[in-house]
C-alpha atoms as a PDB file:
ATOM      1  CA  MET A   1     -34.447 134.989   1.479  1.00  0.00           C
ATOM      2  CA  THR A   2     -34.286 135.997   5.108  1.00  0.00           C
ATOM      3  CA  GLU A   3     -32.691 133.599   7.555  1.00  0.00           C
ATOM      4  CA  TYR A   4     -33.550 133.787  11.253  1.00  0.00           C
ATOM      5  CA  LEU A   5     -31.691 132.569  14.326  1.00  0.00           C
ATOM      6  CA  CYS A   6     -34.121 129.716  14.929  1.00  0.00           C
ATOM      7  CA  LEU A   7     -37.498 128.341  13.943  1.00  0.00           C
ATOM      8  CA  SER A   8     -39.359 130.244  16.643  1.00  0.00           C
ATOM      9  CA  ASP A   9     -37.888 133.546  15.377  1.00  0.00           C
ATOM     10  CA  LEU A  10     -39.001 132.662  11.861  1.00  0.00           C
ATOM     11  CA  LEU A  11     -42.537 131.797  12.973  1.00  0.00           C
ATOM     12  CA  ASP A  12     -42.796 134.910  15.140  1.00  0.00           C
ATOM     13  CA  SER A  13     -41.566 137.209  12.357  1.00  0.00           C
ATOM     14  CA  GLU A  14     -43.279 135.927   9.216  1.00  0.00           C
ATOM     15  CA  LEU A  15     -47.015 135.363   9.175  1.00  0.00           C
ATOM     16  CA  SER A  16     -46.862 133.327   5.958  1.00  0.00           C
ATOM     17  CA  SER A  17     -44.283 130.981   7.515  1.00  0.00           C
ATOM     18  CA  TYR A  18     -46.420 130.609  10.627  1.00  0.00           C
ATOM     19  CA  GLU A  19     -49.552 129.847   8.595  1.00  0.00           C
ATOM     20  CA  TYR A  20     -47.687 127.339   6.427  1.00  0.00           C
ATOM     21  CA  PHE A  21     -46.208 125.608   9.477  1.00  0.00           C
ATOM     22  CA  CYS A  22     -49.631 125.380  11.151  1.00  0.00           C
ATOM     23  CA  SER A  23     -51.137 123.817   8.028  1.00  0.00           C
ATOM     24  CA  LEU A  24     -48.691 120.897   8.035  1.00  0.00           C
ATOM     25  CA  PRO A  25     -49.305 117.444   9.522  1.00  0.00           C
ATOM     26  CA  GLU A  26     -47.883 116.886  12.988  1.00  0.00           C
ATOM     27  CA  ASN A  27     -45.101 114.523  11.860  1.00  0.00           C
ATOM     28  CA  ILE A  28     -43.771 117.101   9.398  1.00  0.00           C
ATOM     29  CA  LYS A  29     -43.947 119.858  12.016  1.00  0.00           C
ATOM     30  CA  GLN A  30     -41.866 117.692  14.332  1.00  0.00           C
ATOM     31  CA  LYS A  31     -39.242 117.134  11.631  1.00  0.00           C
ATOM     32  CA  ILE A  32     -39.065 120.885  10.921  1.00  0.00           C
ATOM     33  CA  GLU A  33     -38.648 121.529  14.651  1.00  0.00           C
ATOM     34  CA  MET A  34     -35.884 118.901  14.879  1.00  0.00           C
ATOM     35  CA  GLU A  35     -34.088 120.437  11.896  1.00  0.00           C
ATOM     36  CA  ASP A  36     -34.674 123.942  13.328  1.00  0.00           C
ATOM     37  CA  ALA A  37     -35.516 125.497   9.956  1.00  0.00           C
ATOM     38  CA  ARG A  38     -34.407 129.118   9.740  1.00  0.00           C
ATOM     39  CA  SER A  39     -36.091 130.234   6.529  1.00  0.00           C
ATOM     40  CA  PHE A  40     -39.359 129.679   4.722  1.00  0.00           C
ATOM     41  CA  SER A  41     -37.607 127.933   1.835  1.00  0.00           C
ATOM     42  CA  GLU A  42     -35.771 125.614   4.239  1.00  0.00           C
ATOM     43  CA  MET A  43     -39.061 124.769   5.932  1.00  0.00           C
ATOM     44  CA  GLN A  44     -40.637 124.004   2.533  1.00  0.00           C
ATOM     45  CA  ALA A  45     -37.699 121.789   1.536  1.00  0.00           C
ATOM     46  CA  ILE A  46     -37.959 119.740   4.741  1.00  0.00           C
ATOM     47  CA  ALA A  47     -41.735 119.375   4.281  1.00  0.00           C
ATOM     48  CA  ARG A  48     -41.266 118.330   0.645  1.00  0.00           C
ATOM     49  CA  GLN A  49     -38.694 115.679   1.629  1.00  0.00           C
ATOM     50  CA  GLU A  50     -40.948 114.274   4.338  1.00  0.00           C
ATOM     51  CA  LYS A  51     -43.948 114.166   2.027  1.00  0.00           C
ATOM     52  CA  GLN A  52     -41.893 112.306  -0.599  1.00  0.00           C
ATOM     53  CA  LYS A  53     -40.760 109.778   2.002  1.00  0.00           C
ATOM     54  CA  GLY A  54     -44.417 109.049   2.714  1.00  0.00           C
ATOM     55  CA  PHE A  55     -44.949 107.987  -0.906  1.00  0.00           C
ATOM     56  CA  LEU A  56     -42.025 105.559  -0.951  1.00  0.00           C
ATOM     57  CA  PHE A  57     -42.750 101.906  -0.264  1.00  0.00           C
END
């Protein structure tokens, strides 16, 4: 797992991370930006948490 200095470095360096990020809903993108994810797995974990929150009542 490669960790980058910031989210923009991650998105600029890994096409799969960029494509995944672009496929996400806007609210999840904003959360990932706020958390400043530095790896693909970190980005996935944040997205998973946010998606789970959406299913809670």
